[in-house]
PDB file of N, CA and C in Angstrom:
ATOM      1  N   MET A   1       0.868  -1.170  -0.328  1.00  0.00           N
ATOM      2  CA  MET A   1       0.571   0.233   0.011  1.00  0.00           C
ATOM      3  C   MET A   1       0.609   1.113   0.035  1.00  0.00           C
ATOM      4  N   PRO A   2       0.625   2.321  -0.698  1.00  0.00           N
ATOM      5  CA  PRO A   2       1.790   4.134  -0.805  1.00  0.00           C
ATOM      6  C   PRO A   2       0.724   4.635   0.538  1.00  0.00           C
ATOM      7  N   THR A   3       2.347   5.642   0.936  1.00  0.00           N
ATOM      8  CA  THR A   3       2.297   6.594   2.054  1.00  0.00           C
ATOM      9  C   THR A   3       1.306   7.160   1.019  1.00  0.00           C
ATOM     10  N   TYR A   4       0.747   8.567   1.332  1.00  0.00           N
ATOM     11  CA  TYR A   4      -0.065   9.687   0.196  1.00  0.00           C
ATOM     12  C   TYR A   4       0.554  10.918   1.582  1.00  0.00           C
ATOM     13  N   ASN A   5       0.724  11.664   0.692  1.00  0.00           N
ATOM     14  CA  ASN A   5       1.440  13.648   1.691  1.00  0.00           C
ATOM     15  C   ASN A   5      -0.225  13.718   1.508  1.00  0.00           C
ATOM     16  N   TYR A   6      -0.269  14.680   2.981  1.00  0.00           N
ATOM     17  CA  TYR A   6      -2.073  15.174   2.513  1.00  0.00           C
ATOM     18  C   TYR A   6      -1.018  17.316   2.574  1.00  0.00           C
ATOM     19  N   LYS A   7      -2.026  18.033   3.110  1.00  0.00           N
ATOM     20  CA  LYS A   7      -1.341  19.076   3.496  1.00  0.00           C
ATOM     21  C   LYS A   7      -3.099  20.189   3.574  1.00  0.00           C
ATOM     22  N   CYS A   8      -2.954  20.478   4.672  1.00  0.00           N
ATOM     23  CA  CYS A   8      -4.089  21.330   5.243  1.00  0.00           C
ATOM     24  C   CYS A   8      -3.867  22.322   4.656  1.00  0.00           C
ATOM     25  N   ASN A   9      -5.150  23.363   4.109  1.00  0.00           N
ATOM     26  CA  ASN A   9      -5.248  24.244   4.160  1.00  0.00           C
ATOM     27  C   ASN A   9      -5.682  25.142   4.585  1.00  0.00           C
ATOM     28  N   GLN A  10      -5.358  24.610   5.678  1.00  0.00           N
ATOM     29  CA  GLN A  10      -6.094  26.153   7.655  1.00  0.00           C
ATOM     30  C   GLN A  10      -4.696  26.074   7.859  1.00  0.00           C
ATOM     31  N   CYS A  11      -4.485  25.037   8.376  1.00  0.00           N
ATOM     32  CA  CYS A  11      -3.787  25.561   8.990  1.00  0.00           C
ATOM     33  C   CYS A  11      -1.411  24.601   8.838  1.00  0.00           C
ATOM     34  N   GLU A  12      -2.125  24.565   7.494  1.00  0.00           N
ATOM     35  CA  GLU A  12      -0.964  24.691   6.476  1.00  0.00           C
ATOM     36  C   GLU A  12       0.527  23.524   7.087  1.00  0.00           C
ATOM     37  N   ILE A  13      -0.472  22.147   7.873  1.00  0.00           N
ATOM     38  CA  ILE A  13       0.880  21.265   8.155  1.00  0.00           C
ATOM     39  C   ILE A  13       0.648  20.224   7.486  1.00  0.00           C
ATOM     40  N   GLU A  14       1.761  19.984   7.369  1.00  0.00           N
ATOM     41  CA  GLU A  14       2.078  18.706   5.820  1.00  0.00           C
ATOM     42  C   GLU A  14       1.972  16.862   7.386  1.00  0.00           C
ATOM     43  N   PHE A  15       1.189  16.415   6.453  1.00  0.00           N
ATOM     44  CA  PHE A  15       1.161  14.987   6.256  1.00  0.00           C
ATOM     45  C   PHE A  15       0.676  14.370   6.618  1.00  0.00           C
ATOM     46  N   SER A  16       2.059  12.520   6.385  1.00  0.00           N
ATOM     47  CA  SER A  16       0.781  11.665   5.734  1.00  0.00           C
ATOM     48  C   SER A  16       0.120  10.249   6.040  1.00  0.00           C
ATOM     49  N   ILE A  17       0.752   9.606   4.894  1.00  0.00           N
ATOM     50  CA  ILE A  17      -1.044   8.607   5.640  1.00  0.00           C
ATOM     51  C   ILE A  17      -0.839   7.097   4.365  1.00  0.00           C
ATOM     52  N   PHE A  18      -0.513   6.028   5.643  1.00  0.00           N
ATOM     53  CA  PHE A  18      -0.034   4.821   5.148  1.00  0.00           C
ATOM     54  C   PHE A  18      -1.266   4.660   4.834  1.00  0.00           C
ATOM     55  N   GLN A  19      -1.963   5.358   3.351  1.00  0.00           N
ATOM     56  CA  GLN A  19      -3.500   3.582   2.842  1.00  0.00           C
ATOM     57  C   GLN A  19      -4.073   3.224   1.931  1.00  0.00           C
ATOM     58  N   GLY A  20      -4.642   2.489   1.158  1.00  0.00           N
ATOM     59  CA  GLY A  20      -4.767   1.580  -0.251  1.00  0.00           C
ATOM     60  C   GLY A  20      -5.370   2.907  -1.008  1.00  0.00           C
ATOM     61  N   ILE A  21      -4.603   2.130  -1.943  1.00  0.00           N
ATOM     62  CA  ILE A  21      -5.303   3.348  -2.937  1.00  0.00           C
ATOM     63  C   ILE A  21      -7.207   3.231  -3.945  1.00  0.00           C
ATOM     64  N   ASN A  22      -8.082   2.408  -3.088  1.00  0.00           N
ATOM     65  CA  ASN A  22      -8.555   2.897  -3.654  1.00  0.00           C
ATOM     66  C   ASN A  22      -9.882   3.493  -1.790  1.00  0.00           C
ATOM     67  N   ASP A  23      -8.828   3.379  -0.694  1.00  0.00           N
ATOM     68  CA  ASP A  23      -9.539   4.322   0.549  1.00  0.00           C
ATOM     69  C   ASP A  23      -9.554   5.849  -0.095  1.00  0.00           C
ATOM     70  N   ILE A  24     -10.721   5.914   0.566  1.00  0.00           N
ATOM     71  CA  ILE A  24     -11.467   7.335   0.508  1.00  0.00           C
ATOM     72  C   ILE A  24     -10.156   8.977   1.270  1.00  0.00           C
ATOM     73  N   LYS A  25     -10.036   9.667   0.813  1.00  0.00           N
ATOM     74  CA  LYS A  25      -9.272  10.494   0.644  1.00  0.00           C
ATOM     75  C   LYS A  25      -9.457  11.167   1.674  1.00  0.00           C
ATOM     76  N   VAL A  26      -8.546  11.166   3.098  1.00  0.00           N
ATOM     77  CA  VAL A  26      -8.580  11.429   4.300  1.00  0.00           C
ATOM     78  C   VAL A  26      -9.034  12.997   3.932  1.00  0.00           C
ATOM     79  N   ASN A  27     -10.144  13.556   4.880  1.00  0.00           N
ATOM     80  CA  ASN A  27     -11.084  15.201   4.882  1.00  0.00           C
ATOM     81  C   ASN A  27     -10.405  16.255   6.498  1.00  0.00           C
ATOM     82  N   ASN A  28     -10.293  15.291   6.779  1.00  0.00           N
ATOM     83  CA  ASN A  28      -9.885  15.822   8.911  1.00  0.00           C
ATOM     84  C   ASN A  28      -8.413  16.288   9.158  1.00  0.00           C
ATOM     85  N   CYS A  29      -8.224  17.558   9.013  1.00  0.00           N
ATOM     86  CA  CYS A  29      -6.688  17.812   9.785  1.00  0.00           C
ATOM     87  C   CYS A  29      -6.156  16.782  11.045  1.00  0.00           C
ATOM     88  N   PRO A  30      -5.001  16.236  11.692  1.00  0.00           N
ATOM     89  CA  PRO A  30      -5.533  15.635  12.451  1.00  0.00           C
ATOM     90  C   PRO A  30      -4.841  16.633  13.572  1.00  0.00           C
ATOM     91  N   LYS A  31      -4.618  17.674  13.160  1.00  0.00           N
ATOM     92  CA  LYS A  31      -4.069  19.276  13.791  1.00  0.00           C
ATOM     93  C   LYS A  31      -4.754  19.078  14.035  1.00  0.00           C
ATOM     94  N   CYS A  32      -5.628  20.282  13.390  1.00  0.00           N
ATOM     95  CA  CYS A  32      -6.858  21.230  13.734  1.00  0.00           C
ATOM     96  C   CYS A  32      -8.352  20.605  13.498  1.00  0.00           C
ATOM     97  N   ASP A  33      -8.088  19.605  13.290  1.00  0.00           N
ATOM     98  CA  ASP A  33      -9.121  18.670  13.138  1.00  0.00           C
ATOM     99  C   ASP A  33     -10.079  19.460  11.900  1.00  0.00           C
ATOM    100  N   SER A  34     -10.313  20.757  11.531  1.00  0.00           N
ATOM    101  CA  SER A  34     -10.883  20.743  10.533  1.00  0.00           C
ATOM    102  C   SER A  34     -11.225  20.183   9.565  1.00  0.00           C
ATOM    103  N   SER A  35     -12.640  19.732   8.460  1.00  0.00           N
ATOM    104  CA  SER A  35     -13.795  18.762   7.763  1.00  0.00           C
ATOM    105  C   SER A  35     -13.290  19.539   6.708  1.00  0.00           C
ATOM    106  N   GLU A  36     -12.530  18.382   5.276  1.00  0.00           N
ATOM    107  CA  GLU A  36     -12.802  19.956   4.267  1.00  0.00           C
ATOM    108  C   GLU A  36     -11.371  20.807   3.397  1.00  0.00           C
ATOM    109  N   SER A  37     -10.948  20.831   5.114  1.00  0.00           N
ATOM    110  CA  SER A  37      -9.482  21.582   4.474  1.00  0.00           C
ATOM    111  C   SER A  37      -7.817  20.361   3.318  1.00  0.00           C
ATOM    112  N   THR A  38      -8.598  19.346   3.571  1.00  0.00           N
ATOM    113  CA  THR A  38      -6.905  18.748   3.768  1.00  0.00           C
ATOM    114  C   THR A  38      -7.113  18.650   1.810  1.00  0.00           C
ATOM    115  N   GLU A  39      -5.289  18.598   1.963  1.00  0.00           N
ATOM    116  CA  GLU A  39      -5.157  17.998   0.197  1.00  0.00           C
ATOM    117  C   GLU A  39      -4.687  17.434  -0.623  1.00  0.00           C
ATOM    118  N   ARG A  40      -4.561  16.548  -1.015  1.00  0.00           N
ATOM    119  CA  ARG A  40      -3.925  15.493  -1.406  1.00  0.00           C
ATOM    120  C   ARG A  40      -2.393  15.931  -2.655  1.00  0.00           C
ATOM    121  N   MET A  41      -1.196  15.793  -1.481  1.00  0.00           N
ATOM    122  CA  MET A  41      -0.087  16.526  -2.827  1.00  0.00           C
ATOM    123  C   MET A  41      -0.063  15.578  -3.471  1.00  0.00           C
ATOM    124  N   ILE A  42       0.644  15.794  -4.571  1.00  0.00           N
ATOM    125  CA  ILE A  42       1.161  15.217  -5.930  1.00  0.00           C
ATOM    126  C   ILE A  42       3.489  15.031  -5.371  1.00  0.00           C
ATOM    127  N   THR A  43       3.658  14.067  -5.413  1.00  0.00           N
ATOM    128  CA  THR A  43       4.772  13.582  -4.352  1.00  0.00           C
ATOM    129  C   THR A  43       5.813  12.734  -5.863  1.00  0.00           C
ATOM    130  N   GLY A  44       7.421  13.145  -6.281  1.00  0.00           N
ATOM    131  CA  GLY A  44       7.244  11.922  -6.772  1.00  0.00           C
ATOM    132  C   GLY A  44       7.759  10.374  -6.733  1.00  0.00           C
ATOM    133  N   GLY A  45       7.282  10.360  -6.225  1.00  0.00           N
ATOM    134  CA  GLY A  45       7.170   8.624  -5.173  1.00  0.00           C
ATOM    135  C   GLY A  45       9.016   8.157  -5.087  1.00  0.00           C
ATOM    136  N   THR A  46       9.381   6.873  -4.190  1.00  0.00           N
ATOM    137  CA  THR A  46      10.133   6.815  -4.123  1.00  0.00           C
ATOM    138  C   THR A  46      10.850   5.230  -4.516  1.00  0.00           C
ATOM    139  N   GLY A  47      10.891   4.256  -5.316  1.00  0.00           N
ATOM    140  CA  GLY A  47      10.602   3.925  -6.401  1.00  0.00           C
ATOM    141  C   GLY A  47      10.668   2.567  -5.680  1.00  0.00           C
ATOM    142  N   MET A  48      11.596   1.438  -5.687  1.00  0.00           N
ATOM    143  CA  MET A  48      12.144   0.712  -5.524  1.00  0.00           C
ATOM    144  C   MET A  48      11.996   0.168  -4.180  1.00  0.00           C
ATOM    145  N   ILE A  49      12.247   0.283  -3.301  1.00  0.00           N
ATOM    146  CA  ILE A  49      12.953  -0.041  -2.193  1.00  0.00           C
ATOM    147  C   ILE A  49      12.632  -1.700  -1.617  1.00  0.00           C
ATOM    148  N   PHE A  50      13.938  -3.252  -1.317  1.00  0.00           N
ATOM    149  CA  PHE A  50      14.392  -3.637  -1.106  1.00  0.00           C
ATOM    150  C   PHE A  50      14.259  -4.116   0.272  1.00  0.00           C
ATOM    151  N   LYS A  51      13.026  -4.463   1.102  1.00  0.00           N
ATOM    152  CA  LYS A  51      13.950  -4.886   2.045  1.00  0.00           C
ATOM    153  C   LYS A  51      13.589  -5.775   3.062  1.00  0.00           C
ATOM    154  N   GLY A  52      14.746  -6.662   3.983  1.00  0.00           N
ATOM    155  CA  GLY A  52      14.697  -8.216   4.014  1.00  0.00           C
ATOM    156  C   GLY A  52      15.417  -8.794   3.778  1.00  0.00           C
ATOM    157  N   ASP A  53      15.880 -10.139   3.766  1.00  0.00           N
ATOM    158  CA  ASP A  53      17.382 -10.909   3.749  1.00  0.00           C
ATOM    159  C   ASP A  53      16.260 -11.936   2.441  1.00  0.00           C
ATOM    160  N   GLY A  54      17.855 -12.487   1.194  1.00  0.00           N
ATOM    161  CA  GLY A  54      17.076 -12.567  -0.232  1.00  0.00           C
ATOM    162  C   GLY A  54      17.035 -11.873  -1.219  1.00  0.00           C
ATOM    163  N   PHE A  55      17.706  -9.905  -1.576  1.00  0.00           N
ATOM    164  CA  PHE A  55      18.258  -9.298  -2.484  1.00  0.00           C
ATOM    165  C   PHE A  55      19.001  -8.411  -2.262  1.00  0.00           C
ATOM    166  N   TYR A  56      20.438  -8.685  -3.349  1.00  0.00           N
ATOM    167  CA  TYR A  56      21.257  -9.406  -3.426  1.00  0.00           C
ATOM    168  C   TYR A  56      21.639  -8.326  -4.531  1.00  0.00           C
ATOM    169  N   ILE A  57      22.056  -7.210  -4.843  1.00  0.00           N
ATOM    170  CA  ILE A  57      22.645  -6.982  -6.226  1.00  0.00           C
ATOM    171  C   ILE A  57      23.181  -7.867  -7.033  1.00  0.00           C
ATOM    172  N   THR A  58      24.307  -9.168  -6.176  1.00  0.00           N
ATOM    173  CA  THR A  58      24.762  -9.961  -7.456  1.00  0.00           C
ATOM    174  C   THR A  58      24.334 -10.741  -7.210  1.00  0.00           C
ATOM    175  N   ASP A  59      22.729 -10.755  -7.417  1.00  0.00           N
ATOM    176  CA  ASP A  59      22.157 -12.218  -7.353  1.00  0.00           C
ATOM    177  C   ASP A  59      21.885 -11.525  -9.486  1.00  0.00           C
ATOM    178  N   TYR A  60      20.913 -10.453  -9.366  1.00  0.00           N
ATOM    179  CA  TYR A  60      21.023 -10.179 -10.935  1.00  0.00           C
ATOM    180  C   TYR A  60      22.281  -9.657 -12.092  1.00  0.00           C
ATOM    181  N   VAL A  61      23.418 -10.247 -11.994  1.00  0.00           N
ATOM    182  CA  VAL A  61      24.761 -10.233 -12.632  1.00  0.00           C
ATOM    183  C   VAL A  61      24.938 -11.542 -11.827  1.00  0.00           C
ATOM    184  N   LYS A  62      24.760 -12.236 -11.817  1.00  0.00           N
ATOM    185  CA  LYS A  62      24.551 -14.317 -11.936  1.00  0.00           C
ATOM    186  C   LYS A  62      23.883 -14.264 -12.693  1.00  0.00           C
ATOM    187  N   ASN A  63      23.298 -14.545 -13.105  1.00  0.00           N
ATOM    188  CA  ASN A  63      22.240 -14.356 -13.723  1.00  0.00           C
ATOM    189  C   ASN A  63      22.619 -13.882 -15.243  1.00  0.00           C
ATOM    190  N   LYS A  64      22.938 -12.439 -15.130  1.00  0.00           N
ATOM    191  CA  LYS A  64      23.380 -12.031 -16.488  1.00  0.00           C
ATOM    192  C   LYS A  64      24.240 -13.029 -16.893  1.00  0.00           C
ATOM    193  N   ASP A  65      25.394 -13.367 -16.403  1.00  0.00           N
ATOM    194  CA  ASP A  65      25.794 -14.187 -16.197  1.00  0.00           C
ATOM    195  C   ASP A  65      26.508 -15.441 -17.087  1.00  0.00           C
ATOM    196  N   ASN A  66      25.243 -15.729 -16.625  1.00  0.00           N
ATOM    197  CA  ASN A  66      25.240 -17.471 -17.097  1.00  0.00           C
ATOM    198  C   ASN A  66      25.018 -17.234 -19.101  1.00  0.00           C
ATOM    199  N   LYS A  67      23.873 -16.740 -18.434  1.00  0.00           N
ATOM    200  CA  LYS A  67      22.576 -16.164 -19.859  1.00  0.00           C
ATOM    201  C   LYS A  67      23.776 -16.076 -21.236  1.00  0.00           C
ATOM    202  N   GLU A  68      24.462 -15.359 -21.081  1.00  0.00           N
ATOM    203  CA  GLU A  68      25.195 -15.079 -21.944  1.00  0.00           C
ATOM    204  C   GLU A  68      26.367 -16.072 -22.035  1.00  0.00           C
ATOM    205  N   LYS A  69      26.808 -16.761 -21.040  1.00  0.00           N
ATOM    206  CA  LYS A  69      27.602 -17.669 -21.385  1.00  0.00           C
ATOM    207  C   LYS A  69      27.126 -19.602 -21.790  1.00  0.00           C
ATOM    208  N   LYS A  70      25.186 -19.352 -21.672  1.00  0.00           N
ATOM    209  CA  LYS A  70      25.251 -20.393 -22.336  1.00  0.00           C
ATOM    210  C   LYS A  70      24.886 -19.536 -23.940  1.00  0.00           C
ATOM    211  N   LEU A  71      24.449 -18.652 -24.261  1.00  0.00           N
ATOM    212  CA  LEU A  71      24.188 -18.142 -25.866  1.00  0.00           C
ATOM    213  C   LEU A  71      25.779 -18.680 -26.499  1.00  0.00           C
ATOM    214  N   LYS A  72      26.540 -17.913 -25.417  1.00  0.00           N
ATOM    215  CA  LYS A  72      28.324 -18.165 -25.809  1.00  0.00           C
ATOM    216  C   LYS A  72      28.514 -20.308 -26.605  1.00  0.00           C
ATOM    217  N   ASP A  73      28.128 -20.859 -25.243  1.00  0.00           N
ATOM    218  CA  ASP A  73      28.112 -21.614 -26.084  1.00  0.00           C
ATOM    219  C   ASP A  73      27.214 -22.774 -26.928  1.00  0.00           C
ATOM    220  N   ASN A  74      26.285 -21.906 -26.782  1.00  0.00           N
ATOM    221  CA  ASN A  74      25.613 -22.429 -27.742  1.00  0.00           C
ATOM    222  C   ASN A  74      25.722 -21.615 -29.282  1.00  0.00           C
ATOM    223  N   LYS A  75      26.005 -20.905 -29.065  1.00  0.00           N
ATOM    224  CA  LYS A  75      26.751 -20.045 -30.616  1.00  0.00           C
ATOM    225  C   LYS A  75      27.852 -20.730 -31.272  1.00  0.00           C
ATOM    226  N   GLU A  76      28.849 -21.128 -29.857  1.00  0.00           N
ATOM    227  CA  GLU A  76      29.638 -22.364 -30.102  1.00  0.00           C
ATOM    228  C   GLU A  76      29.683 -23.529 -31.104  1.00  0.00           C
ATOM    229  N   LYS A  77      28.210 -24.241 -30.557  1.00  0.00           N
ATOM    230  CA  LYS A  77      28.297 -25.426 -30.744  1.00  0.00           C
ATOM    231  C   LYS A  77      27.508 -25.718 -32.336  1.00  0.00           C
ATOM    232  N   LYS A  78      26.911 -24.127 -32.562  1.00  0.00           N
ATOM    233  CA  LYS A  78      26.022 -24.900 -34.350  1.00  0.00           C
ATOM    234  C   LYS A  78      26.985 -24.188 -34.696  1.00  0.00           C
ATOM    235  N   LEU A  79      28.297 -23.503 -33.693  1.00  0.00           N
ATOM    236  CA  LEU A  79      29.510 -23.443 -35.649  1.00  0.00           C
ATOM    237  C   LEU A  79      30.144 -24.910 -35.632  1.00  0.00           C
ATOM    238  N   LYS A  80      30.469 -25.470 -34.427  1.00  0.00           N
ATOM    239  CA  LYS A  80      30.888 -26.742 -34.785  1.00  0.00           C
ATOM    240  C   LYS A  80      30.152 -27.749 -35.313  1.00  0.00           C
ATOM    241  N   ASP A  81      29.000 -27.999 -35.333  1.00  0.00           N
ATOM    242  CA  ASP A  81      28.155 -29.499 -35.888  1.00  0.00           C
ATOM    243  C   ASP A  81      28.214 -28.090 -37.868  1.00  0.00           C
ATOM    244  N   ASN A  82      28.415 -26.825 -37.686  1.00  0.00           N
ATOM    245  CA  ASN A  82      27.366 -26.410 -39.459  1.00  0.00           C
ATOM    246  C   ASN A  82      29.560 -26.820 -39.931  1.00  0.00           C
ATOM    247  N   LYS A  83      30.352 -27.298 -38.814  1.00  0.00           N
ATOM    248  CA  LYS A  83      32.000 -27.140 -39.932  1.00  0.00           C
ATOM    249  C   LYS A  83      31.859 -28.882 -40.180  1.00  0.00           C
ATOM    250  N   GLY A  84      30.772 -29.333 -38.920  1.00  0.00           N
ATOM    251  CA  GLY A  84      30.747 -30.956 -39.025  1.00  0.00           C
ATOM    252  C   GLY A  84      30.249 -31.241 -40.583  1.00  0.00           C
ATOM    253  N   ASN A  85      28.992 -30.524 -40.709  1.00  0.00           N
ATOM    254  CA  ASN A  85      28.305 -31.152 -41.551  1.00  0.00           C
ATOM    255  C   ASN A  85      28.680 -31.164 -42.868  1.00  0.00           C
ATOM    256  N   LYS A  86      29.275 -29.843 -42.980  1.00  0.00           N
ATOM    257  CA  LYS A  86      29.993 -28.893 -44.762  1.00  0.00           C
ATOM    258  C   LYS A  86      31.075 -30.051 -44.582  1.00  0.00           C
ATOM    259  N   ASN A  87      31.799 -30.969 -44.087  1.00  0.00           N
ATOM    260  CA  ASN A  87      33.246 -31.611 -43.955  1.00  0.00           C
ATOM    261  C   ASN A  87      32.409 -33.357 -44.364  1.00  0.00           C
ATOM    262  N   GLU A  88      31.742 -33.370 -44.308  1.00  0.00           N
ATOM    263  CA  GLU A  88      30.518 -34.739 -44.768  1.00  0.00           C
ATOM    264  C   GLU A  88      30.078 -34.604 -46.073  1.00  0.00           C
ATOM    265  N   GLN A  89      29.318 -33.534 -46.448  1.00  0.00           N
ATOM    266  CA  GLN A  89      28.813 -33.368 -48.152  1.00  0.00           C
ATOM    267  C   GLN A  89      29.942 -33.400 -49.144  1.00  0.00           C
ATOM    268  N   SER A  90      31.434 -33.134 -48.167  1.00  0.00           N
ATOM    269  CA  SER A  90      32.804 -33.037 -49.597  1.00  0.00           C
ATOM    270  C   SER A  90      32.799 -34.144 -50.214  1.00  0.00           C
TER     271      SER A  90
END
C-alpha cells in the first residue's frame, strides 16, 4: 500500500498517511481537526525499495553472466555442427 502526503489548507501542516489506493481521501486534519480542508499532494515517489533477506545486487549479475555464457556456448556448438556438416558433404 502506498503512503500519501496531505496538506491542511487551514493550519498549513503536512502529514503522511499509509492507505490503500481505493481508500477514501482523508478530509480531517490531525492537528486542527478542520473538515474538508486537506488536500492530497502529488509527490515523486521513492521507487522500489527492497527490505529483508534475499535481495542482493549480485543475484542479478550472476543470472546475466549465466545467460551470456549459455548463448556463447550455443553459438560455438552451432559453428562446430555447421563445420562438421560441410566436411561430410564434400
